[in-house]
Amino acid sequence: MAQNTTTPAAGSLNATILHLATRVEALLARQQASETPSRTLVALAGVPGSGKSTVSAALLAELAARGIADVAVVPMDGFHLTKSQLSSLPNPEEAFARRGAPFTFDAPAFLSLVHSLASTPLPTTPAPDSLIYAPSFDHALQDPVVNGIPISTRTRLIIIEGNYTLLDEEPWRGVAALCAEKWFVDASREVVLERLVGRHLAAGIETDARRAVARVEANDLLNGEVIRARLIRPDVVVEN
């Protein structure tokens, strides 16, 4: 594993993105130099509210500015158990209250997709693209959408984004094992709490700030503690 590196702290998002883009360029250069190049995967993990999506979106924009377009982000949100599946669990009330915890995801299916992305060969001829599909998540319906994200087999590097992509538990740890680099986005408890409370209020999940705080403390912050306590050592830590 590469030496652990901490990128610039909060307030330096642009410098952080430049650092990550340089690492991506190095990964792609190694891939290009290989006699049998295979698709490169990067695990991007983080606690809830840390800003994983902000980091990945900014990184894609920076890469596009450098002329690198064959990179994609695949989030794990589409592997939430459906509301129907949650209702079938032994304790449905707990399952709904803790939605977002590791046990409320279809981890084996997520690992299966990551394995497919890692093992499907990069095309060596100018034949038409073929596609691998990942589920997306409909926030209005609060349920996954099957085959919501098409991924071209010509995509050379894929960022696997999600809370538990670096979780040191079975079967989650299999995801990190398939990735060339491991990045972790973190933020302080106070920052995460403020962001998530604002997110719940804006989405109408809660209409009262005190109830929104209680929801975050009873679920999201607990999940963040699990992530930090069982974190596979990352190559890069982004303090967002």
C-alpha atoms as a PDB file:
ATOM      1  CA  MET A   1       0.000   0.000   0.000  1.00  0.00           C
ATOM      2  CA  ALA A   2       1.170   3.531  -0.688  1.00  0.00           C
ATOM      3  CA  GLN A   3       2.324   5.665   2.184  1.00  0.00           C
ATOM      4  CA  ASN A   4      -0.512   7.386   4.005  1.00  0.00           C
ATOM      5  CA  THR A   5      -0.858  10.971   2.848  1.00  0.00           C
ATOM      6  CA  THR A   6      -2.972  13.795   4.223  1.00  0.00           C
ATOM      7  CA  THR A   7      -4.138  16.325   1.652  1.00  0.00           C
ATOM      8  CA  PRO A   8      -4.529  20.037   2.479  1.00  0.00           C
ATOM      9  CA  ALA A   9      -7.014  20.804   5.261  1.00  0.00           C
ATOM     10  CA  ALA A  10     -10.422  22.454   5.115  1.00  0.00           C
ATOM     11  CA  GLY A  11     -10.475  25.669   3.105  1.00  0.00           C
ATOM     12  CA  SER A  12      -8.135  24.183   0.467  1.00  0.00           C
ATOM     13  CA  LEU A  13     -10.557  22.134  -1.627  1.00  0.00           C
ATOM     14  CA  ASN A  14      -8.935  23.283  -4.851  1.00  0.00           C
ATOM     15  CA  ALA A  15      -5.492  22.158  -3.687  1.00  0.00           C
ATOM     16  CA  THR A  16      -6.984  18.844  -2.583  1.00  0.00           C
ATOM     17  CA  ILE A  17      -8.573  18.283  -5.986  1.00  0.00           C
ATOM     18  CA  LEU A  18      -5.304  19.098  -7.764  1.00  0.00           C
ATOM     19  CA  HIS A  19      -3.550  16.551  -5.535  1.00  0.00           C
ATOM     20  CA  LEU A  20      -6.117  13.843  -6.312  1.00  0.00           C
ATOM     21  CA  ALA A  21      -6.080  14.625 -10.027  1.00  0.00           C
ATOM     22  CA  THR A  22      -2.319  14.175 -10.088  1.00  0.00           C
ATOM     23  CA  ARG A  23      -2.706  10.772  -8.429  1.00  0.00           C
ATOM     24  CA  VAL A  24      -5.316   9.787 -11.016  1.00  0.00           C
ATOM     25  CA  GLU A  25      -2.957  10.786 -13.823  1.00  0.00           C
ATOM     26  CA  ALA A  26      -0.249   8.578 -12.290  1.00  0.00           C
ATOM     27  CA  LEU A  27      -2.654   5.633 -12.025  1.00  0.00           C
ATOM     28  CA  LEU A  28      -3.688   6.022 -15.659  1.00  0.00           C
ATOM     29  CA  ALA A  29      -0.064   6.296 -16.767  1.00  0.00           C
ATOM     30  CA  ARG A  30       0.756   3.009 -15.017  1.00  0.00           C
ATOM     31  CA  GLN A  31      -2.313   1.441 -16.584  1.00  0.00           C
ATOM     32  CA  GLN A  32      -1.273   2.623 -20.056  1.00  0.00           C
ATOM     33  CA  ALA A  33       2.237   1.237 -19.591  1.00  0.00           C
ATOM     34  CA  SER A  34       0.981  -2.222 -18.639  1.00  0.00           C
ATOM     35  CA  GLU A  35       1.199  -4.975 -21.229  1.00  0.00           C
ATOM     36  CA  THR A  36      -2.269  -6.150 -20.202  1.00  0.00           C
ATOM     37  CA  PRO A  37      -4.030  -2.994 -18.961  1.00  0.00           C
ATOM     38  CA  SER A  38      -7.073  -3.529 -16.779  1.00  0.00           C
ATOM     39  CA  ARG A  39      -9.606  -1.077 -15.424  1.00  0.00           C
ATOM     40  CA  THR A  40      -8.401   0.881 -12.386  1.00  0.00           C
ATOM     41  CA  LEU A  41     -10.667   1.316  -9.364  1.00  0.00           C
ATOM     42  CA  VAL A  42     -10.341   3.831  -6.537  1.00  0.00           C
ATOM     43  CA  ALA A  43     -12.298   3.512  -3.288  1.00  0.00           C
ATOM     44  CA  LEU A  44     -13.627   6.842  -1.998  1.00  0.00           C
ATOM     45  CA  ALA A  45     -15.063   6.431   1.494  1.00  0.00           C
ATOM     46  CA  GLY A  46     -16.174   8.915   4.122  1.00  0.00           C
ATOM     47  CA  VAL A  47     -18.445   9.492   7.067  1.00  0.00           C
ATOM     48  CA  PRO A  48     -21.990  10.728   6.344  1.00  0.00           C
ATOM     49  CA  GLY A  49     -21.947  14.433   5.570  1.00  0.00           C
ATOM     50  CA  SER A  50     -18.208  14.594   4.969  1.00  0.00           C
ATOM     51  CA  GLY A  51     -18.559  15.779   1.379  1.00  0.00           C
ATOM     52  CA  LYS A  52     -17.665  12.711  -0.686  1.00  0.00           C
ATOM     53  CA  SER A  53     -19.915  13.741  -3.564  1.00  0.00           C
ATOM     54  CA  THR A  54     -18.527  17.289  -3.525  1.00  0.00           C
ATOM     55  CA  VAL A  55     -14.980  15.948  -3.743  1.00  0.00           C
ATOM     56  CA  SER A  56     -15.760  13.462  -6.524  1.00  0.00           C
ATOM     57  CA  ALA A  57     -17.713  16.011  -8.607  1.00  0.00           C
ATOM     58  CA  ALA A  58     -14.911  18.581  -8.312  1.00  0.00           C
ATOM     59  CA  LEU A  59     -12.353  15.926  -9.225  1.00  0.00           C
ATOM     60  CA  LEU A  60     -14.252  14.906 -12.369  1.00  0.00           C
ATOM     61  CA  ALA A  61     -14.409  18.561 -13.418  1.00  0.00           C
ATOM     62  CA  GLU A  62     -10.657  18.975 -12.912  1.00  0.00           C
ATOM     63  CA  LEU A  63      -9.918  15.788 -14.849  1.00  0.00           C
ATOM     64  CA  ALA A  64     -12.163  16.913 -17.695  1.00  0.00           C
ATOM     65  CA  ALA A  65     -10.227  20.203 -17.807  1.00  0.00           C
ATOM     66  CA  ARG A  66      -7.063  18.117 -18.214  1.00  0.00           C
ATOM     67  CA  GLY A  67      -8.605  16.200 -21.106  1.00  0.00           C
ATOM     68  CA  ILE A  68      -9.315  13.058 -19.059  1.00  0.00           C
ATOM     69  CA  ALA A  69     -12.904  12.013 -19.692  1.00  0.00           C
ATOM     70  CA  ASP A  70     -12.842   8.224 -19.382  1.00  0.00           C
ATOM     71  CA  VAL A  71     -13.344   8.341 -15.611  1.00  0.00           C
ATOM     72  CA  ALA A  72     -16.619   7.707 -13.790  1.00  0.00           C
ATOM     73  CA  VAL A  73     -18.013   7.740 -10.264  1.00  0.00           C
ATOM     74  CA  VAL A  74     -20.151   4.817  -9.132  1.00  0.00           C
ATOM     75  CA  PRO A  75     -21.919   5.471  -5.804  1.00  0.00           C
ATOM     76  CA  MET A  76     -23.053   2.690  -3.497  1.00  0.00           C
ATOM     77  CA  ASP A  77     -26.384   4.441  -2.754  1.00  0.00           C
ATOM     78  CA  GLY A  78     -28.193   2.185  -5.209  1.00  0.00           C
ATOM     79  CA  PHE A  79     -27.502  -0.773  -2.950  1.00  0.00           C
ATOM     80  CA  HIS A  80     -29.730   0.461  -0.124  1.00  0.00           C
ATOM     81  CA  LEU A  81     -32.206  -2.262   0.751  1.00  0.00           C
ATOM     82  CA  THR A  82     -35.602  -1.316  -0.637  1.00  0.00           C
ATOM     83  CA  LYS A  83     -38.384  -0.269   1.698  1.00  0.00           C
ATOM     84  CA  SER A  84     -40.011  -3.625   0.989  1.00  0.00           C
ATOM     85  CA  GLN A  85     -36.838  -5.453   1.998  1.00  0.00           C
ATOM     86  CA  LEU A  86     -36.496  -3.373   5.157  1.00  0.00           C
ATOM     87  CA  SER A  87     -40.070  -4.255   6.064  1.00  0.00           C
ATOM     88  CA  SER A  88     -39.172  -7.943   5.809  1.00  0.00           C
ATOM     89  CA  LEU A  89     -36.275  -7.751   8.279  1.00  0.00           C
ATOM     90  CA  PRO A  90     -36.740  -9.171  11.816  1.00  0.00           C
ATOM     91  CA  ASN A  91     -37.021  -5.665  13.305  1.00  0.00           C
ATOM     92  CA  PRO A  92     -38.475  -3.377  10.607  1.00  0.00           C
ATOM     93  CA  GLU A  93     -38.826  -0.391  12.938  1.00  0.00           C
ATOM     94  CA  GLU A  94     -35.128  -0.492  13.769  1.00  0.00           C
ATOM     95  CA  ALA A  95     -34.223  -1.089  10.118  1.00  0.00           C
ATOM     96  CA  PHE A  96     -36.055   2.041   8.972  1.00  0.00           C
ATOM     97  CA  ALA A  97     -34.704   4.120  11.856  1.00  0.00           C
ATOM     98  CA  ARG A  98     -31.142   2.990  11.098  1.00  0.00           C
ATOM     99  CA  ARG A  99     -31.398   3.151   7.292  1.00  0.00           C
ATOM    100  CA  GLY A 100     -27.898   3.950   6.110  1.00  0.00           C
ATOM    101  CA  ALA A 101     -26.198   1.618   8.597  1.00  0.00           C
ATOM    102  CA  PRO A 102     -24.168  -1.234   7.060  1.00  0.00           C
ATOM    103  CA  PHE A 103     -26.868  -3.866   7.631  1.00  0.00           C
ATOM    104  CA  THR A 104     -29.365  -1.840   5.567  1.00  0.00           C
ATOM    105  CA  PHE A 105     -27.351  -2.311   2.349  1.00  0.00           C
ATOM    106  CA  ASP A 106     -27.068  -5.274   0.000  1.00  0.00           C
ATOM    107  CA  ALA A 107     -23.309  -5.588   0.515  1.00  0.00           C
ATOM    108  CA  PRO A 108     -22.877  -8.861  -1.461  1.00  0.00           C
ATOM    109  CA  ALA A 109     -24.529  -7.319  -4.529  1.00  0.00           C
ATOM    110  CA  PHE A 110     -22.354  -4.224  -4.183  1.00  0.00           C
ATOM    111  CA  LEU A 111     -19.205  -6.337  -4.003  1.00  0.00           C
ATOM    112  CA  SER A 112     -20.383  -8.335  -7.026  1.00  0.00           C
ATOM    113  CA  LEU A 113     -20.706  -5.151  -9.092  1.00  0.00           C
ATOM    114  CA  VAL A 114     -17.262  -3.924  -8.034  1.00  0.00           C
ATOM    115  CA  HIS A 115     -15.806  -7.299  -8.980  1.00  0.00           C
ATOM    116  CA  SER A 116     -17.463  -7.071 -12.403  1.00  0.00           C
ATOM    117  CA  LEU A 117     -16.024  -3.596 -12.946  1.00  0.00           C
ATOM    118  CA  ALA A 118     -12.564  -4.790 -11.948  1.00  0.00           C
ATOM    119  CA  SER A 119     -12.604  -7.988 -14.005  1.00  0.00           C
ATOM    120  CA  THR A 120     -14.333  -6.912 -17.231  1.00  0.00           C
ATOM    121  CA  PRO A 121     -11.511  -6.313 -19.755  1.00  0.00           C
ATOM    122  CA  LEU A 122     -10.848  -2.936 -21.299  1.00  0.00           C
ATOM    123  CA  PRO A 123     -11.647  -3.097 -25.057  1.00  0.00           C
ATOM    124  CA  THR A 124      -8.593  -3.332 -27.290  1.00  0.00           C
ATOM    125  CA  THR A 125     -10.404  -2.635 -30.574  1.00  0.00           C
ATOM    126  CA  PRO A 126     -12.653   0.222 -31.761  1.00  0.00           C
ATOM    127  CA  ALA A 127     -15.767  -1.940 -31.427  1.00  0.00           C
ATOM    128  CA  PRO A 128     -19.000  -0.373 -30.114  1.00  0.00           C
ATOM    129  CA  ASP A 129     -19.195   0.188 -26.369  1.00  0.00           C
ATOM    130  CA  SER A 130     -20.756  -2.394 -24.152  1.00  0.00           C
ATOM    131  CA  LEU A 131     -22.257  -1.394 -20.832  1.00  0.00           C
ATOM    132  CA  ILE A 132     -22.251  -2.519 -17.220  1.00  0.00           C
ATOM    133  CA  TYR A 133     -25.191  -1.271 -15.213  1.00  0.00           C
ATOM    134  CA  ALA A 134     -25.280  -0.137 -11.576  1.00  0.00           C
ATOM    135  CA  PRO A 135     -28.393   0.778  -9.599  1.00  0.00           C
ATOM    136  CA  SER A 136     -29.038   4.413  -8.727  1.00  0.00           C
ATOM    137  CA  PHE A 137     -31.099   5.809  -5.849  1.00  0.00           C
ATOM    138  CA  ASP A 138     -34.282   7.861  -6.265  1.00  0.00           C
ATOM    139  CA  HIS A 139     -34.341  10.301  -3.348  1.00  0.00           C
ATOM    140  CA  ALA A 140     -37.958  11.235  -4.032  1.00  0.00           C
ATOM    141  CA  LEU A 141     -39.096   7.611  -3.843  1.00  0.00           C
ATOM    142  CA  GLN A 142     -36.440   6.725  -1.249  1.00  0.00           C
ATOM    143  CA  ASP A 143     -35.681   3.505  -3.106  1.00  0.00           C
ATOM    144  CA  PRO A 144     -33.057   2.156  -5.526  1.00  0.00           C
ATOM    145  CA  VAL A 145     -33.597   2.188  -9.295  1.00  0.00           C
ATOM    146  CA  VAL A 146     -32.394  -0.959 -11.078  1.00  0.00           C
ATOM    147  CA  ASN A 147     -29.881  -0.305 -13.888  1.00  0.00           C
ATOM    148  CA  GLY A 148     -30.016   3.427 -13.221  1.00  0.00           C
ATOM    149  CA  ILE A 149     -26.328   4.042 -14.000  1.00  0.00           C
ATOM    150  CA  PRO A 150     -24.809   2.838 -17.301  1.00  0.00           C
ATOM    151  CA  ILE A 151     -21.024   2.416 -17.235  1.00  0.00           C
ATOM    152  CA  SER A 152     -19.092   2.040 -20.484  1.00  0.00           C
ATOM    153  CA  THR A 153     -16.579  -0.771 -20.563  1.00  0.00           C
ATOM    154  CA  ARG A 154     -14.235   1.799 -22.140  1.00  0.00           C
ATOM    155  CA  THR A 155     -14.109   3.721 -18.858  1.00  0.00           C
ATOM    156  CA  ARG A 156     -10.520   3.354 -17.716  1.00  0.00           C
ATOM    157  CA  LEU A 157     -10.847   4.479 -14.095  1.00  0.00           C
ATOM    158  CA  ILE A 158     -13.831   4.245 -11.768  1.00  0.00           C
ATOM    159  CA  ILE A 159     -14.197   5.881  -8.368  1.00  0.00           C
ATOM    160  CA  ILE A 160     -16.280   3.653  -6.086  1.00  0.00           C
ATOM    161  CA  GLU A 161     -17.906   6.131  -3.722  1.00  0.00           C
ATOM    162  CA  GLY A 162     -19.728   5.369  -0.485  1.00  0.00           C
ATOM    163  CA  ASN A 163     -19.651   5.369   3.282  1.00  0.00           C
ATOM    164  CA  TYR A 164     -18.494   1.770   3.577  1.00  0.00           C
ATOM    165  CA  THR A 165     -16.067   1.271   0.719  1.00  0.00           C
ATOM    166  CA  LEU A 166     -13.218   1.074   3.269  1.00  0.00           C
ATOM    167  CA  LEU A 167     -15.071  -0.771   6.027  1.00  0.00           C
ATOM    168  CA  ASP A 168     -12.947  -3.530   7.558  1.00  0.00           C
ATOM    169  CA  GLU A 169     -15.779  -6.066   7.809  1.00  0.00           C
ATOM    170  CA  GLU A 170     -16.947  -8.916   5.630  1.00  0.00           C
ATOM    171  CA  PRO A 171     -18.006  -8.685   2.880  1.00  0.00           C
ATOM    172  CA  TRP A 172     -17.202  -4.961   2.645  1.00  0.00           C
ATOM    173  CA  ARG A 173     -13.426  -5.369   2.862  1.00  0.00           C
ATOM    174  CA  GLY A 174     -13.534  -7.153  -0.488  1.00  0.00           C
ATOM    175  CA  VAL A 175     -14.290  -3.801  -2.142  1.00  0.00           C
ATOM    176  CA  ALA A 176     -11.059  -2.193  -0.931  1.00  0.00           C
ATOM    177  CA  ALA A 177      -9.105  -5.272  -1.986  1.00  0.00           C
ATOM    178  CA  LEU A 178     -10.131  -4.643  -5.606  1.00  0.00           C
ATOM    179  CA  CYS A 179      -9.097  -0.979  -5.588  1.00  0.00           C
ATOM    180  CA  ALA A 180      -5.707   0.435  -6.545  1.00  0.00           C
ATOM    181  CA  GLU A 181      -6.042   3.350  -4.131  1.00  0.00           C
ATOM    182  CA  LYS A 182      -8.100   4.106  -1.063  1.00  0.00           C
ATOM    183  CA  TRP A 183      -9.222   7.650  -0.234  1.00  0.00           C
ATOM    184  CA  PHE A 184     -11.075   8.759   2.888  1.00  0.00           C
ATOM    185  CA  VAL A 185     -13.010  12.017   3.342  1.00  0.00           C
ATOM    186  CA  ASP A 186     -13.517  13.165   6.918  1.00  0.00           C
ATOM    187  CA  ALA A 187     -14.962  16.173   8.720  1.00  0.00           C
ATOM    188  CA  SER A 188     -15.489  17.137  12.335  1.00  0.00           C
ATOM    189  CA  ARG A 189     -18.559  16.045  14.261  1.00  0.00           C
ATOM    190  CA  GLU A 190     -19.776  19.644  14.419  1.00  0.00           C
ATOM    191  CA  VAL A 191     -19.453  20.181  10.671  1.00  0.00           C
ATOM    192  CA  VAL A 192     -21.119  16.865   9.842  1.00  0.00           C
ATOM    193  CA  LEU A 193     -23.984  17.548  12.252  1.00  0.00           C
ATOM    194  CA  GLU A 194     -24.633  20.980  10.756  1.00  0.00           C
ATOM    195  CA  ARG A 195     -24.558  19.683   7.187  1.00  0.00           C
ATOM    196  CA  LEU A 196     -26.817  16.697   7.823  1.00  0.00           C
ATOM    197  CA  VAL A 197     -29.358  18.665   9.848  1.00  0.00           C
ATOM    198  CA  GLY A 198     -29.542  21.182   7.004  1.00  0.00           C
ATOM    199  CA  ARG A 199     -29.892  18.356   4.485  1.00  0.00           C
ATOM    200  CA  HIS A 200     -32.764  16.720   6.412  1.00  0.00           C
ATOM    201  CA  LEU A 201     -34.594  20.031   6.756  1.00  0.00           C
ATOM    202  CA  ALA A 202     -34.109  20.957   3.092  1.00  0.00           C
ATOM    203  CA  ALA A 203     -35.346  17.541   1.937  1.00  0.00           C
ATOM    204  CA  GLY A 204     -38.383  17.685   4.221  1.00  0.00           C
ATOM    205  CA  ILE A 205     -37.287  14.557   6.073  1.00  0.00           C
ATOM    206  CA  GLU A 206     -37.731  16.631   9.222  1.00  0.00           C
ATOM    207  CA  THR A 207     -39.436  20.003   9.607  1.00  0.00           C
ATOM    208  CA  ASP A 208     -38.165  20.781  13.094  1.00  0.00           C
ATOM    209  CA  ALA A 209     -34.478  21.458  13.754  1.00  0.00           C
ATOM    210  CA  ARG A 210     -34.475  19.649  17.100  1.00  0.00           C
ATOM    211  CA  ARG A 211     -35.949  16.522  15.563  1.00  0.00           C
ATOM    212  CA  ALA A 212     -33.428  16.740  12.727  1.00  0.00           C
ATOM    213  CA  VAL A 213     -30.577  16.905  15.262  1.00  0.00           C
ATOM    214  CA  ALA A 214     -32.010  13.900  17.103  1.00  0.00           C
ATOM    215  CA  ARG A 215     -32.265  11.924  13.852  1.00  0.00           C
ATOM    216  CA  VAL A 216     -28.650  12.656  12.912  1.00  0.00           C
ATOM    217  CA  GLU A 217     -27.364  11.784  16.385  1.00  0.00           C
ATOM    218  CA  ALA A 218     -29.311   8.524  16.490  1.00  0.00           C
ATOM    219  CA  ASN A 219     -28.173   7.308  13.079  1.00  0.00           C
ATOM    220  CA  ASP A 220     -25.684   9.218  10.924  1.00  0.00           C
ATOM    221  CA  LEU A 221     -23.226  10.059  13.681  1.00  0.00           C
ATOM    222  CA  LEU A 222     -23.336   6.458  14.910  1.00  0.00           C
ATOM    223  CA  ASN A 223     -22.549   5.268  11.394  1.00  0.00           C
ATOM    224  CA  GLY A 224     -19.649   7.705  11.242  1.00  0.00           C
ATOM    225  CA  GLU A 225     -18.227   6.254  14.468  1.00  0.00           C
ATOM    226  CA  VAL A 226     -18.410   2.739  12.990  1.00  0.00           C
ATOM    227  CA  ILE A 227     -16.647   3.900   9.816  1.00  0.00           C
ATOM    228  CA  ARG A 228     -13.780   5.538  11.709  1.00  0.00           C
ATOM    229  CA  ALA A 229     -13.385   2.638  14.153  1.00  0.00           C
ATOM    230  CA  ARG A 230     -13.278  -0.018  11.406  1.00  0.00           C
ATOM    231  CA  LEU A 231     -11.498   1.888   8.672  1.00  0.00           C
ATOM    232  CA  ILE A 232      -9.090   0.135   6.332  1.00  0.00           C
ATOM    233  CA  ARG A 233      -6.040   2.369   6.236  1.00  0.00           C
ATOM    234  CA  PRO A 234      -6.440   4.862   3.394  1.00  0.00           C
ATOM    235  CA  ASP A 235      -3.732   6.102   1.056  1.00  0.00           C
ATOM    236  CA  VAL A 236      -5.154   9.630   1.176  1.00  0.00           C
ATOM    237  CA  VAL A 237      -7.109  11.389   3.908  1.00  0.00           C
ATOM    238  CA  VAL A 238      -9.087  14.458   2.844  1.00  0.00           C
ATOM    239  CA  GLU A 239      -9.987  16.735   5.763  1.00  0.00           C
ATOM    240  CA  ASN A 240     -13.023  18.463   4.293  1.00  0.00           C
END
